[in-house]
Structure formats: structure tokens, C-alpha cells
Amino acid sequence: MDTSRSQFVLRGFRQVVDFRVFTFERIAPDHSRSLFTVRADLALARRHRIPLQELPLLCRAVLEQIRETGDETAFVFTDADMGRYSEGVAARAMAAKQRRNRRPPPAGDSGATRILPPER
């Protein structure tokens, strides 16, 4: 574990209309603690096909990208953030599909399904 960086621990969430507001506790390298929130629009998450269970980690990533927060403690997982995430997921899926399509069949495999006779 890198002790020179702050750690963010999920403390919970609350539902505010169509938003989920996640509360995180930052544990600084000097062991001081402070609370931060990240708000995620659930309609946008659905539009970007982001599963609900992935939102806490994605919101924590928003906080981990912040260098100096100053006095700001409330952040938003934006439409642009969600778009970049879903584009990355789509790109990885496409790359995996292309890798699967490029693999030659195993040696001696004609691709036909073999039907074995029943055991006697």
C-alpha cells in the first residue's frame, strides 16, 4: 500500500431523487480524516449502461484523480466521466472480440462437431 497517497473508503450512500450520493472518508498520509461526497445521476448511468454495483468504485476513482481539493468536498460523476468509462468498456470488448476472431482453430480441428458413438 502506498502510504504517500490518501485512501478513500466508502462510508455509504443516500438516494436523492434520481441521484445516488456516495459518501467517502479520506484517510490522508498523516492519518487525518475528512468526508467527501460524489453524486451520480442514475438516469445517465443507465443511458451509459453502467451497472449500479460499479458506481461506488467509479465514484471513488473521481476522488482519486483529484490532486488538491482545497475546501471542496462535494463532486459529481459527470456525463463526460460516464461516457469515457463506457467508451473504454466498449473498446475493450471490441478488442477482445477481435482477438477471439483472429485465433486459428486448433491443429487438426476442422471446426466440425464430432459425434461419438455411445459407450458399450
PDB file of N, CA and C in Angstrom:
ATOM      1  N   MET A   1       0.839  -1.180   0.000  1.00  0.00           N
ATOM      2  CA  MET A   1       0.000   0.000   0.000  1.00  0.00           C
ATOM      3  C   MET A   1       0.883   1.242   0.000  1.00  0.00           C
ATOM      4  N   ASP A   2       0.591   2.189  -0.876  1.00  0.00           N
ATOM      5  CA  ASP A   2       1.337   3.435  -0.994  1.00  0.00           C
ATOM      6  C   ASP A   2       0.917   4.371   0.139  1.00  0.00           C
ATOM      7  N   THR A   3       1.820   4.625   1.077  1.00  0.00           N
ATOM      8  CA  THR A   3       1.476   5.459   2.229  1.00  0.00           C
ATOM      9  C   THR A   3       1.606   6.941   1.935  1.00  0.00           C
ATOM     10  N   SER A   4       2.043   7.332   0.743  1.00  0.00           N
ATOM     11  CA  SER A   4       2.177   8.746   0.413  1.00  0.00           C
ATOM     12  C   SER A   4       0.907   9.314  -0.209  1.00  0.00           C
ATOM     13  N   ARG A   5      -0.102   8.485  -0.428  1.00  0.00           N
ATOM     14  CA  ARG A   5      -1.353   8.929  -1.040  1.00  0.00           C
ATOM     15  C   ARG A   5      -2.510   8.731  -0.079  1.00  0.00           C
ATOM     16  N   SER A   6      -3.514   9.575  -0.275  1.00  0.00           N
ATOM     17  CA  SER A   6      -4.739   9.425   0.514  1.00  0.00           C
ATOM     18  C   SER A   6      -5.490   8.184   0.073  1.00  0.00           C
ATOM     19  N   GLN A   7      -6.189   7.575   1.009  1.00  0.00           N
ATOM     20  CA  GLN A   7      -7.054   6.437   0.721  1.00  0.00           C
ATOM     21  C   GLN A   7      -8.493   6.903   0.898  1.00  0.00           C
ATOM     22  N   PHE A   8      -9.390   6.431   0.022  1.00  0.00           N
ATOM     23  CA  PHE A   8     -10.799   6.779   0.127  1.00  0.00           C
ATOM     24  C   PHE A   8     -11.586   5.513   0.447  1.00  0.00           C
ATOM     25  N   VAL A   9     -12.353   5.571   1.525  1.00  0.00           N
ATOM     26  CA  VAL A   9     -13.132   4.426   1.992  1.00  0.00           C
ATOM     27  C   VAL A   9     -14.616   4.787   1.891  1.00  0.00           C
ATOM     28  N   LEU A  10     -15.382   3.921   1.235  1.00  0.00           N
ATOM     29  CA  LEU A  10     -16.820   4.151   1.108  1.00  0.00           C
ATOM     30  C   LEU A  10     -17.476   4.028   2.473  1.00  0.00           C
ATOM     31  N   ARG A  11     -18.246   5.028   2.856  1.00  0.00           N
ATOM     32  CA  ARG A  11     -18.958   5.018   4.132  1.00  0.00           C
ATOM     33  C   ARG A  11     -20.451   4.793   3.948  1.00  0.00           C
ATOM     34  N   GLY A  12     -20.942   4.915   2.720  1.00  0.00           N
ATOM     35  CA  GLY A  12     -22.357   4.682   2.473  1.00  0.00           C
ATOM     36  C   GLY A  12     -22.866   5.560   1.345  1.00  0.00           C
ATOM     37  N   PHE A  13     -24.171   5.503   1.156  1.00  0.00           N
ATOM     38  CA  PHE A  13     -24.791   6.346   0.143  1.00  0.00           C
ATOM     39  C   PHE A  13     -26.198   6.697   0.582  1.00  0.00           C
ATOM     40  N   ARG A  14     -26.734   7.705  -0.072  1.00  0.00           N
ATOM     41  CA  ARG A  14     -28.141   8.043   0.129  1.00  0.00           C
ATOM     42  C   ARG A  14     -28.739   8.324  -1.243  1.00  0.00           C
ATOM     43  N   GLN A  15     -30.016   8.051  -1.341  1.00  0.00           N
ATOM     44  CA  GLN A  15     -30.746   8.269  -2.586  1.00  0.00           C
ATOM     45  C   GLN A  15     -31.409   9.640  -2.492  1.00  0.00           C
ATOM     46  N   VAL A  16     -31.144  10.502  -3.457  1.00  0.00           N
ATOM     47  CA  VAL A  16     -31.757  11.820  -3.520  1.00  0.00           C
ATOM     48  C   VAL A  16     -32.404  11.931  -4.891  1.00  0.00           C
ATOM     49  N   VAL A  17     -33.712  11.703  -4.941  1.00  0.00           N
ATOM     50  CA  VAL A  17     -34.499  11.660  -6.171  1.00  0.00           C
ATOM     51  C   VAL A  17     -33.840  10.676  -7.131  1.00  0.00           C
ATOM     52  N   ASP A  18     -33.330  11.133  -8.288  1.00  0.00           N
ATOM     53  CA  ASP A  18     -32.714  10.238  -9.271  1.00  0.00           C
ATOM     54  C   ASP A  18     -31.188  10.216  -9.167  1.00  0.00           C
ATOM     55  N   PHE A  19     -30.684  10.620  -8.032  1.00  0.00           N
ATOM     56  CA  PHE A  19     -29.239  10.648  -7.830  1.00  0.00           C
ATOM     57  C   PHE A  19     -28.870   9.743  -6.669  1.00  0.00           C
ATOM     58  N   ARG A  20     -27.714   9.130  -6.788  1.00  0.00           N
ATOM     59  CA  ARG A  20     -27.150   8.391  -5.666  1.00  0.00           C
ATOM     60  C   ARG A  20     -25.939   9.206  -5.218  1.00  0.00           C
ATOM     61  N   VAL A  21     -25.917   9.549  -3.941  1.00  0.00           N
ATOM     62  CA  VAL A  21     -24.833  10.359  -3.388  1.00  0.00           C
ATOM     63  C   VAL A  21     -24.004   9.463  -2.472  1.00  0.00           C
ATOM     64  N   PHE A  22     -22.772   9.203  -2.897  1.00  0.00           N
ATOM     65  CA  PHE A  22     -21.865   8.329  -2.152  1.00  0.00           C
ATOM     66  C   PHE A  22     -21.010   9.173  -1.212  1.00  0.00           C
ATOM     67  N   THR A  23     -20.854   8.700   0.011  1.00  0.00           N
ATOM     68  CA  THR A  23     -20.012   9.377   0.994  1.00  0.00           C
ATOM     69  C   THR A  23     -18.755   8.543   1.201  1.00  0.00           C
ATOM     70  N   PHE A  24     -17.617   9.215   1.091  1.00  0.00           N
ATOM     71  CA  PHE A  24     -16.318   8.571   1.271  1.00  0.00           C
ATOM     72  C   PHE A  24     -15.559   9.287   2.383  1.00  0.00           C
ATOM     73  N   GLU A  25     -14.769   8.521   3.106  1.00  0.00           N
ATOM     74  CA  GLU A  25     -13.878   9.104   4.086  1.00  0.00           C
ATOM     75  C   GLU A  25     -12.469   9.052   3.520  1.00  0.00           C
ATOM     76  N   ARG A  26     -11.843  10.219   3.484  1.00  0.00           N
ATOM     77  CA  ARG A  26     -10.442  10.257   3.028  1.00  0.00           C
ATOM     78  C   ARG A  26      -9.548  10.101   4.243  1.00  0.00           C
ATOM     79  N   ILE A  27      -8.621   9.154   4.125  1.00  0.00           N
ATOM     80  CA  ILE A  27      -7.611   8.969   5.162  1.00  0.00           C
ATOM     81  C   ILE A  27      -6.295   9.436   4.545  1.00  0.00           C
ATOM     82  N   ALA A  28      -5.835  10.571   5.011  1.00  0.00           N
ATOM     83  CA  ALA A  28      -4.620  11.193   4.472  1.00  0.00           C
ATOM     84  C   ALA A  28      -3.385  10.469   4.995  1.00  0.00           C
ATOM     85  N   PRO A  29      -2.236  10.681   4.340  1.00  0.00           N
ATOM     86  CA  PRO A  29      -0.996  10.038   4.810  1.00  0.00           C
ATOM     87  C   PRO A  29      -0.662  10.362   6.269  1.00  0.00           C
ATOM     88  N   ASP A  30      -1.109  11.539   6.750  1.00  0.00           N
ATOM     89  CA  ASP A  30      -0.863  11.888   8.153  1.00  0.00           C
ATOM     90  C   ASP A  30      -1.944  11.333   9.082  1.00  0.00           C
ATOM     91  N   HIS A  31      -2.820  10.468   8.542  1.00  0.00           N
ATOM     92  CA  HIS A  31      -3.904   9.797   9.256  1.00  0.00           C
ATOM     93  C   HIS A  31      -5.075  10.706   9.611  1.00  0.00           C
ATOM     94  N   SER A  32      -5.066  11.946   9.103  1.00  0.00           N
ATOM     95  CA  SER A  32      -6.230  12.810   9.314  1.00  0.00           C
ATOM     96  C   SER A  32      -7.366  12.298   8.436  1.00  0.00           C
ATOM     97  N   ARG A  33      -8.588  12.580   8.837  1.00  0.00           N
ATOM     98  CA  ARG A  33      -9.753  12.056   8.125  1.00  0.00           C
ATOM     99  C   ARG A  33     -10.693  13.194   7.778  1.00  0.00           C
ATOM    100  N   SER A  34     -11.331  13.067   6.591  1.00  0.00           N
ATOM    101  CA  SER A  34     -12.336  14.042   6.173  1.00  0.00           C
ATOM    102  C   SER A  34     -13.318  13.352   5.245  1.00  0.00           C
ATOM    103  N   LEU A  35     -14.537  13.898   5.194  1.00  0.00           N
ATOM    104  CA  LEU A  35     -15.598  13.300   4.379  1.00  0.00           C
ATOM    105  C   LEU A  35     -15.748  14.017   3.047  1.00  0.00           C
ATOM    106  N   PHE A  36     -16.024  13.215   2.009  1.00  0.00           N
ATOM    107  CA  PHE A  36     -16.250  13.715   0.663  1.00  0.00           C
ATOM    108  C   PHE A  36     -17.490  13.027   0.108  1.00  0.00           C
ATOM    109  N   THR A  37     -18.172  13.698  -0.804  1.00  0.00           N
ATOM    110  CA  THR A  37     -19.309  13.077  -1.477  1.00  0.00           C
ATOM    111  C   THR A  37     -19.120  13.156  -2.978  1.00  0.00           C
ATOM    112  N   VAL A  38     -19.682  12.147  -3.655  1.00  0.00           N
ATOM    113  CA  VAL A  38     -19.709  12.138  -5.125  1.00  0.00           C
ATOM    114  C   VAL A  38     -21.134  11.782  -5.522  1.00  0.00           C
ATOM    115  N   ARG A  39     -21.723  12.625  -6.363  1.00  0.00           N
ATOM    116  CA  ARG A  39     -23.110  12.434  -6.794  1.00  0.00           C
ATOM    117  C   ARG A  39     -23.115  11.826  -8.194  1.00  0.00           C
ATOM    118  N   ALA A  40     -23.949  10.797  -8.377  1.00  0.00           N
ATOM    119  CA  ALA A  40     -24.076  10.126  -9.678  1.00  0.00           C
ATOM    120  C   ALA A  40     -25.546  10.144 -10.095  1.00  0.00           C
ATOM    121  N   ASP A  41     -25.803  10.601 -11.302  1.00  0.00           N
ATOM    122  CA  ASP A  41     -27.148  10.630 -11.877  1.00  0.00           C
ATOM    123  C   ASP A  41     -27.475   9.226 -12.385  1.00  0.00           C
ATOM    124  N   LEU A  42     -28.477   8.589 -11.803  1.00  0.00           N
ATOM    125  CA  LEU A  42     -28.804   7.212 -12.170  1.00  0.00           C
ATOM    126  C   LEU A  42     -29.358   7.096 -13.580  1.00  0.00           C
ATOM    127  N   ALA A  43     -30.066   8.113 -14.060  1.00  0.00           N
ATOM    128  CA  ALA A  43     -30.571   8.079 -15.435  1.00  0.00           C
ATOM    129  C   ALA A  43     -29.402   8.090 -16.423  1.00  0.00           C
ATOM    130  N   LEU A  44     -28.397   8.903 -16.148  1.00  0.00           N
ATOM    131  CA  LEU A  44     -27.203   8.922 -17.016  1.00  0.00           C
ATOM    132  C   LEU A  44     -26.464   7.590 -16.943  1.00  0.00           C
ATOM    133  N   ALA A  45     -26.365   7.026 -15.760  1.00  0.00           N
ATOM    134  CA  ALA A  45     -25.687   5.735 -15.613  1.00  0.00           C
ATOM    135  C   ALA A  45     -26.393   4.669 -16.450  1.00  0.00           C
ATOM    136  N   ARG A  46     -27.727   4.670 -16.415  1.00  0.00           N
ATOM    137  CA  ARG A  46     -28.479   3.703 -17.240  1.00  0.00           C
ATOM    138  C   ARG A  46     -28.242   3.962 -18.725  1.00  0.00           C
ATOM    139  N   ARG A  47     -28.239   5.235 -19.119  1.00  0.00           N
ATOM    140  CA  ARG A  47     -28.014   5.577 -20.530  1.00  0.00           C
ATOM    141  C   ARG A  47     -26.639   5.093 -21.010  1.00  0.00           C
ATOM    142  N   HIS A  48     -25.672   5.162 -20.129  1.00  0.00           N
ATOM    143  CA  HIS A  48     -24.310   4.716 -20.468  1.00  0.00           C
ATOM    144  C   HIS A  48     -24.100   3.234 -20.162  1.00  0.00           C
ATOM    145  N   ARG A  49     -25.165   2.554 -19.744  1.00  0.00           N
ATOM    146  CA  ARG A  49     -25.138   1.121 -19.428  1.00  0.00           C
ATOM    147  C   ARG A  49     -24.111   0.777 -18.360  1.00  0.00           C
ATOM    148  N   ILE A  50     -24.055   1.617 -17.336  1.00  0.00           N
ATOM    149  CA  ILE A  50     -23.158   1.378 -16.214  1.00  0.00           C
ATOM    150  C   ILE A  50     -23.955   0.654 -15.133  1.00  0.00           C
ATOM    151  N   PRO A  51     -23.550  -0.552 -14.777  1.00  0.00           N
ATOM    152  CA  PRO A  51     -24.263  -1.284 -13.720  1.00  0.00           C
ATOM    153  C   PRO A  51     -24.192  -0.536 -12.389  1.00  0.00           C
ATOM    154  N   LEU A  52     -25.280  -0.567 -11.666  1.00  0.00           N
ATOM    155  CA  LEU A  52     -25.385   0.133 -10.390  1.00  0.00           C
ATOM    156  C   LEU A  52     -24.279  -0.266  -9.421  1.00  0.00           C
ATOM    157  N   GLN A  53     -23.918  -1.545  -9.432  1.00  0.00           N
ATOM    158  CA  GLN A  53     -22.898  -2.009  -8.484  1.00  0.00           C
ATOM    159  C   GLN A  53     -21.500  -1.490  -8.806  1.00  0.00           C
ATOM    160  N   GLU A  54     -21.286  -0.936 -10.002  1.00  0.00           N
ATOM    161  CA  GLU A  54     -19.979  -0.385 -10.350  1.00  0.00           C
ATOM    162  C   GLU A  54     -19.830   1.080  -9.940  1.00  0.00           C
ATOM    163  N   LEU A  55     -20.940   1.739  -9.638  1.00  0.00           N
ATOM    164  CA  LEU A  55     -20.891   3.165  -9.328  1.00  0.00           C
ATOM    165  C   LEU A  55     -19.989   3.522  -8.143  1.00  0.00           C
ATOM    166  N   PRO A  56     -20.004   2.785  -7.025  1.00  0.00           N
ATOM    167  CA  PRO A  56     -19.112   3.194  -5.917  1.00  0.00           C
ATOM    168  C   PRO A  56     -17.639   3.248  -6.310  1.00  0.00           C
ATOM    169  N   LEU A  57     -17.161   2.258  -7.037  1.00  0.00           N
ATOM    170  CA  LEU A  57     -15.744   2.267  -7.447  1.00  0.00           C
ATOM    171  C   LEU A  57     -15.455   3.382  -8.439  1.00  0.00           C
ATOM    172  N   LEU A  58     -16.395   3.630  -9.347  1.00  0.00           N
ATOM    173  CA  LEU A  58     -16.201   4.699 -10.323  1.00  0.00           C
ATOM    174  C   LEU A  58     -16.210   6.063  -9.644  1.00  0.00           C
ATOM    175  N   CYS A  59     -17.055   6.225  -8.646  1.00  0.00           N
ATOM    176  CA  CYS A  59     -17.080   7.487  -7.902  1.00  0.00           C
ATOM    177  C   CYS A  59     -15.812   7.654  -7.070  1.00  0.00           C
ATOM    178  N   ARG A  60     -15.309   6.567  -6.515  1.00  0.00           N
ATOM    179  CA  ARG A  60     -14.046   6.657  -5.781  1.00  0.00           C
ATOM    180  C   ARG A  60     -12.918   7.073  -6.724  1.00  0.00           C
ATOM    181  N   ALA A  61     -12.959   6.582  -7.965  1.00  0.00           N
ATOM    182  CA  ALA A  61     -11.941   6.962  -8.946  1.00  0.00           C
ATOM    183  C   ALA A  61     -11.974   8.463  -9.220  1.00  0.00           C
ATOM    184  N   VAL A  62     -13.166   9.070  -9.186  1.00  0.00           N
ATOM    185  CA  VAL A  62     -13.273  10.525  -9.354  1.00  0.00           C
ATOM    186  C   VAL A  62     -12.445  11.213  -8.269  1.00  0.00           C
ATOM    187  N   LEU A  63     -12.581  10.760  -7.035  1.00  0.00           N
ATOM    188  CA  LEU A  63     -11.834  11.364  -5.929  1.00  0.00           C
ATOM    189  C   LEU A  63     -10.336  11.100  -6.041  1.00  0.00           C
ATOM    190  N   GLU A  64      -9.969   9.917  -6.486  1.00  0.00           N
ATOM    191  CA  GLU A  64      -8.543   9.567  -6.579  1.00  0.00           C
ATOM    192  C   GLU A  64      -7.829  10.371  -7.649  1.00  0.00           C
ATOM    193  N   GLN A  65      -8.559  10.912  -8.614  1.00  0.00           N
ATOM    194  CA  GLN A  65      -7.952  11.713  -9.680  1.00  0.00           C
ATOM    195  C   GLN A  65      -7.692  13.150  -9.251  1.00  0.00           C
ATOM    196  N   ILE A  66      -8.263  13.553  -8.140  1.00  0.00           N
ATOM    197  CA  ILE A  66      -8.133  14.935  -7.679  1.00  0.00           C
ATOM    198  C   ILE A  66      -6.798  15.099  -6.967  1.00  0.00           C
ATOM    199  N   ARG A  67      -6.032  16.070  -7.404  1.00  0.00           N
ATOM    200  CA  ARG A  67      -4.717  16.309  -6.793  1.00  0.00           C
ATOM    201  C   ARG A  67      -4.875  17.059  -5.463  1.00  0.00           C
ATOM    202  N   GLU A  68      -5.346  18.267  -5.517  1.00  0.00           N
ATOM    203  CA  GLU A  68      -5.561  19.080  -4.322  1.00  0.00           C
ATOM    204  C   GLU A  68      -7.009  19.503  -4.308  1.00  0.00           C
ATOM    205  N   THR A  69      -7.689  19.238  -3.231  1.00  0.00           N
ATOM    206  CA  THR A  69      -9.112  19.548  -3.171  1.00  0.00           C
ATOM    207  C   THR A  69      -9.391  20.925  -2.606  1.00  0.00           C
ATOM    208  N   GLY A  70      -8.457  21.518  -1.893  1.00  0.00           N
ATOM    209  CA  GLY A  70      -8.745  22.788  -1.244  1.00  0.00           C
ATOM    210  C   GLY A  70      -9.890  22.593  -0.276  1.00  0.00           C
ATOM    211  N   ASP A  71     -10.884  23.449  -0.358  1.00  0.00           N
ATOM    212  CA  ASP A  71     -12.042  23.347   0.533  1.00  0.00           C
ATOM    213  C   ASP A  71     -13.167  22.525  -0.067  1.00  0.00           C
ATOM    214  N   GLU A  72     -13.042  22.129  -1.305  1.00  0.00           N
ATOM    215  CA  GLU A  72     -14.122  21.404  -1.980  1.00  0.00           C
ATOM    216  C   GLU A  72     -14.208  19.967  -1.472  1.00  0.00           C
ATOM    217  N   THR A  73     -15.418  19.552  -1.114  1.00  0.00           N
ATOM    218  CA  THR A  73     -15.624  18.187  -0.627  1.00  0.00           C
ATOM    219  C   THR A  73     -16.758  17.468  -1.345  1.00  0.00           C
ATOM    220  N   ALA A  74     -17.443  18.153  -2.268  1.00  0.00           N
ATOM    221  CA  ALA A  74     -18.565  17.554  -3.000  1.00  0.00           C
ATOM    222  C   ALA A  74     -18.239  17.555  -4.491  1.00  0.00           C
ATOM    223  N   PHE A  75     -18.353  16.378  -5.106  1.00  0.00           N
ATOM    224  CA  PHE A  75     -18.011  16.221  -6.511  1.00  0.00           C
ATOM    225  C   PHE A  75     -19.137  15.506  -7.241  1.00  0.00           C
ATOM    226  N   VAL A  76     -19.051  15.494  -8.579  1.00  0.00           N
ATOM    227  CA  VAL A  76     -20.071  14.864  -9.416  1.00  0.00           C
ATOM    228  C   VAL A  76     -19.393  13.905 -10.380  1.00  0.00           C
ATOM    229  N   PHE A  77     -19.964  12.714 -10.513  1.00  0.00           N
ATOM    230  CA  PHE A  77     -19.552  11.769 -11.560  1.00  0.00           C
ATOM    231  C   PHE A  77     -20.336  12.213 -12.792  1.00  0.00           C
ATOM    232  N   THR A  78     -19.682  12.943 -13.678  1.00  0.00           N
ATOM    233  CA  THR A  78     -20.359  13.661 -14.756  1.00  0.00           C
ATOM    234  C   THR A  78     -20.719  12.776 -15.943  1.00  0.00           C
ATOM    235  N   ASP A  79     -21.528  13.321 -16.817  1.00  0.00           N
ATOM    236  CA  ASP A  79     -21.901  12.661 -18.068  1.00  0.00           C
ATOM    237  C   ASP A  79     -20.633  12.356 -18.879  1.00  0.00           C
ATOM    238  N   ALA A  80     -19.701  13.298 -18.912  1.00  0.00           N
ATOM    239  CA  ALA A  80     -18.447  13.092 -19.647  1.00  0.00           C
ATOM    240  C   ALA A  80     -17.642  11.942 -19.029  1.00  0.00           C
ATOM    241  N   ASP A  81     -17.581  11.881 -17.689  1.00  0.00           N
ATOM    242  CA  ASP A  81     -16.885  10.783 -16.999  1.00  0.00           C
ATOM    243  C   ASP A  81     -17.510   9.446 -17.375  1.00  0.00           C
ATOM    244  N   MET A  82     -18.846   9.403 -17.335  1.00  0.00           N
ATOM    245  CA  MET A  82     -19.555   8.166 -17.669  1.00  0.00           C
ATOM    246  C   MET A  82     -19.330   7.778 -19.120  1.00  0.00           C
ATOM    247  N   GLY A  83     -19.309   8.762 -20.000  1.00  0.00           N
ATOM    248  CA  GLY A  83     -19.067   8.495 -21.421  1.00  0.00           C
ATOM    249  C   GLY A  83     -17.690   7.897 -21.649  1.00  0.00           C
ATOM    250  N   ARG A  84     -16.679   8.471 -21.000  1.00  0.00           N
ATOM    251  CA  ARG A  84     -15.314   7.935 -21.143  1.00  0.00           C
ATOM    252  C   ARG A  84     -15.248   6.498 -20.623  1.00  0.00           C
ATOM    253  N   TYR A  85     -15.924   6.244 -19.499  1.00  0.00           N
ATOM    254  CA  TYR A  85     -15.929   4.896 -18.955  1.00  0.00           C
ATOM    255  C   TYR A  85     -16.590   3.919 -19.929  1.00  0.00           C
ATOM    256  N   SER A  86     -17.784   4.262 -20.430  1.00  0.00           N
ATOM    257  CA  SER A  86     -18.494   3.332 -21.318  1.00  0.00           C
ATOM    258  C   SER A  86     -17.766   3.160 -22.646  1.00  0.00           C
ATOM    259  N   GLU A  87     -17.089   4.201 -23.135  1.00  0.00           N
ATOM    260  CA  GLU A  87     -16.278   4.056 -24.351  1.00  0.00           C
ATOM    261  C   GLU A  87     -15.118   3.097 -24.103  1.00  0.00           C
ATOM    262  N   GLY A  88     -14.505   3.181 -22.935  1.00  0.00           N
ATOM    263  CA  GLY A  88     -13.416   2.267 -22.595  1.00  0.00           C
ATOM    264  C   GLY A  88     -13.888   0.829 -22.517  1.00  0.00           C
ATOM    265  N   VAL A  89     -15.063   0.621 -21.929  1.00  0.00           N
ATOM    266  CA  VAL A  89     -15.633  -0.729 -21.842  1.00  0.00           C
ATOM    267  C   VAL A  89     -15.896  -1.266 -23.248  1.00  0.00           C
ATOM    268  N   ALA A  90     -16.487  -0.427 -24.102  1.00  0.00           N
ATOM    269  CA  ALA A  90     -16.789  -0.846 -25.476  1.00  0.00           C
ATOM    270  C   ALA A  90     -15.506  -1.159 -26.248  1.00  0.00           C
ATOM    271  N   ALA A  91     -14.478  -0.339 -26.072  1.00  0.00           N
ATOM    272  CA  ALA A  91     -13.209  -0.569 -26.769  1.00  0.00           C
ATOM    273  C   ALA A  91     -12.562  -1.879 -26.318  1.00  0.00           C
ATOM    274  N   ARG A  92     -12.607  -2.160 -25.010  1.00  0.00           N
ATOM    275  CA  ARG A  92     -12.030  -3.418 -24.520  1.00  0.00           C
ATOM    276  C   ARG A  92     -12.821  -4.618 -25.027  1.00  0.00           C
ATOM    277  N   ALA A  93     -14.136  -4.497 -25.093  1.00  0.00           N
ATOM    278  CA  ALA A  93     -14.966  -5.593 -25.611  1.00  0.00           C
ATOM    279  C   ALA A  93     -14.668  -5.840 -27.084  1.00  0.00           C
ATOM    280  N   MET A  94     -14.504  -4.767 -27.860  1.00  0.00           N
ATOM    281  CA  MET A  94     -14.204  -4.902 -29.283  1.00  0.00           C
ATOM    282  C   MET A  94     -12.827  -5.541 -29.486  1.00  0.00           C
ATOM    283  N   ALA A  95     -11.855  -5.128 -28.692  1.00  0.00           N
ATOM    284  CA  ALA A  95     -10.507  -5.705 -28.797  1.00  0.00           C
ATOM    285  C   ALA A  95     -10.539  -7.191 -28.460  1.00  0.00           C
ATOM    286  N   ALA A  96     -11.294  -7.557 -27.427  1.00  0.00           N
ATOM    287  CA  ALA A  96     -11.399  -8.976 -27.055  1.00  0.00           C
ATOM    288  C   ALA A  96     -12.064  -9.772 -28.161  1.00  0.00           C
ATOM    289  N   LYS A  97     -13.071  -9.212 -28.780  1.00  0.00           N
ATOM    290  CA  LYS A  97     -13.765  -9.899 -29.880  1.00  0.00           C
ATOM    291  C   LYS A  97     -12.824 -10.090 -31.065  1.00  0.00           C
ATOM    292  N   GLN A  98     -12.043  -9.069 -31.372  1.00  0.00           N
ATOM    293  CA  GLN A  98     -11.093  -9.185 -32.475  1.00  0.00           C
ATOM    294  C   GLN A  98     -10.026 -10.228 -32.183  1.00  0.00           C
ATOM    295  N   ARG A  99      -9.564 -10.302 -30.932  1.00  0.00           N
ATOM    296  CA  ARG A  99      -8.569 -11.325 -30.578  1.00  0.00           C
ATOM    297  C   ARG A  99      -9.160 -12.721 -30.747  1.00  0.00           C
ATOM    298  N   ARG A 100     -10.414 -12.898 -30.326  1.00  0.00           N
ATOM    299  CA  ARG A 100     -11.054 -14.210 -30.462  1.00  0.00           C
ATOM    300  C   ARG A 100     -11.209 -14.578 -31.932  1.00  0.00           C
ATOM    301  N   ASN A 101     -11.552 -13.617 -32.767  1.00  0.00           N
ATOM    302  CA  ASN A 101     -11.776 -13.892 -34.187  1.00  0.00           C
ATOM    303  C   ASN A 101     -10.480 -14.182 -34.937  1.00  0.00           C
ATOM    304  N   ARG A 102      -9.352 -13.725 -34.425  1.00  0.00           N
ATOM    305  CA  ARG A 102      -8.067 -13.944 -35.107  1.00  0.00           C
ATOM    306  C   ARG A 102      -7.430 -15.272 -34.762  1.00  0.00           C
ATOM    307  N   ARG A 103      -7.890 -15.922 -33.732  1.00  0.00           N
ATOM    308  CA  ARG A 103      -7.274 -17.186 -33.323  1.00  0.00           C
ATOM    309  C   ARG A 103      -7.592 -18.281 -34.337  1.00  0.00           C
ATOM    310  N   PRO A 104      -6.561 -18.960 -34.813  1.00  0.00           N
ATOM    311  CA  PRO A 104      -6.818 -20.079 -35.729  1.00  0.00           C
ATOM    312  C   PRO A 104      -7.362 -21.268 -34.935  1.00  0.00           C
ATOM    313  N   PRO A 105      -8.134 -22.123 -35.590  1.00  0.00           N
ATOM    314  CA  PRO A 105      -8.634 -23.307 -34.885  1.00  0.00           C
ATOM    315  C   PRO A 105      -7.457 -24.200 -34.488  1.00  0.00           C
ATOM    316  N   PRO A 106      -7.603 -24.981 -33.432  1.00  0.00           N
ATOM    317  CA  PRO A 106      -6.518 -25.884 -33.015  1.00  0.00           C
ATOM    318  C   PRO A 106      -6.131 -26.828 -34.155  1.00  0.00           C
ATOM    319  N   ALA A 107      -4.874 -27.249 -34.182  1.00  0.00           N
ATOM    320  CA  ALA A 107      -4.374 -28.140 -35.232  1.00  0.00           C
ATOM    321  C   ALA A 107      -5.227 -29.395 -35.312  1.00  0.00           C
ATOM    322  N   GLY A 108      -5.599 -29.767 -36.511  1.00  0.00           N
ATOM    323  CA  GLY A 108      -6.383 -30.973 -36.724  1.00  0.00           C
ATOM    324  C   GLY A 108      -7.864 -30.769 -36.492  1.00  0.00           C
ATOM    325  N   ASP A 109      -8.285 -29.562 -36.152  1.00  0.00           N
ATOM    326  CA  ASP A 109      -9.701 -29.285 -35.900  1.00  0.00           C
ATOM    327  C   ASP A 109     -10.287 -28.648 -37.148  1.00  0.00           C
ATOM    328  N   SER A 110     -11.208 -29.332 -37.776  1.00  0.00           N
ATOM    329  CA  SER A 110     -11.818 -28.798 -38.992  1.00  0.00           C
ATOM    330  C   SER A 110     -12.956 -27.847 -38.659  1.00  0.00           C
ATOM    331  N   GLY A 111     -13.281 -27.727 -37.378  1.00  0.00           N
ATOM    332  CA  GLY A 111     -14.377 -26.870 -36.986  1.00  0.00           C
ATOM    333  C   GLY A 111     -15.692 -27.623 -36.931  1.00  0.00           C
ATOM    334  N   ALA A 112     -15.719 -28.852 -37.454  1.00  0.00           N
ATOM    335  CA  ALA A 112     -16.941 -29.650 -37.438  1.00  0.00           C
ATOM    336  C   ALA A 112     -17.102 -30.302 -36.073  1.00  0.00           C
ATOM    337  N   THR A 113     -18.321 -30.465 -35.648  1.00  0.00           N
ATOM    338  CA  THR A 113     -18.615 -31.110 -34.376  1.00  0.00           C
ATOM    339  C   THR A 113     -18.570 -32.609 -34.557  1.00  0.00           C
ATOM    340  N   ARG A 114     -17.868 -33.277 -33.683  1.00  0.00           N
ATOM    341  CA  ARG A 114     -17.776 -34.736 -33.755  1.00  0.00           C
ATOM    342  C   ARG A 114     -18.851 -35.345 -32.879  1.00  0.00           C
ATOM    343  N   ILE A 115     -19.495 -36.359 -33.380  1.00  0.00           N
ATOM    344  CA  ILE A 115     -20.462 -37.108 -32.590  1.00  0.00           C
ATOM    345  C   ILE A 115     -19.851 -38.468 -32.324  1.00  0.00           C
ATOM    346  N   LEU A 116     -19.641 -38.745 -31.050  1.00  0.00           N
ATOM    347  CA  LEU A 116     -19.022 -40.011 -30.675  1.00  0.00           C
ATOM    348  C   LEU A 116     -20.098 -41.084 -30.512  1.00  0.00           C
ATOM    349  N   PRO A 117     -19.772 -42.322 -30.879  1.00  0.00           N
ATOM    350  CA  PRO A 117     -20.728 -43.408 -30.690  1.00  0.00           C
ATOM    351  C   PRO A 117     -20.941 -43.645 -29.191  1.00  0.00           C
ATOM    352  N   PRO A 118     -22.106 -44.132 -28.799  1.00  0.00           N
ATOM    353  CA  PRO A 118     -22.358 -44.396 -27.391  1.00  0.00           C
ATOM    354  C   PRO A 118     -21.422 -45.496 -26.883  1.00  0.00           C
ATOM    355  N   GLU A 119     -21.078 -45.385 -25.606  1.00  0.00           N
ATOM    356  CA  GLU A 119     -20.208 -46.398 -24.995  1.00  0.00           C
ATOM    357  C   GLU A 119     -20.994 -47.676 -24.787  1.00  0.00           C
ATOM    358  N   ARG A 120     -20.321 -48.816 -24.944  1.00  0.00           N
ATOM    359  CA  ARG A 120     -20.976 -50.111 -24.762  1.00  0.00           C
ATOM    360  C   ARG A 120     -20.436 -50.818 -23.593  1.00  0.00           C
TER     361      ARG A 120
END
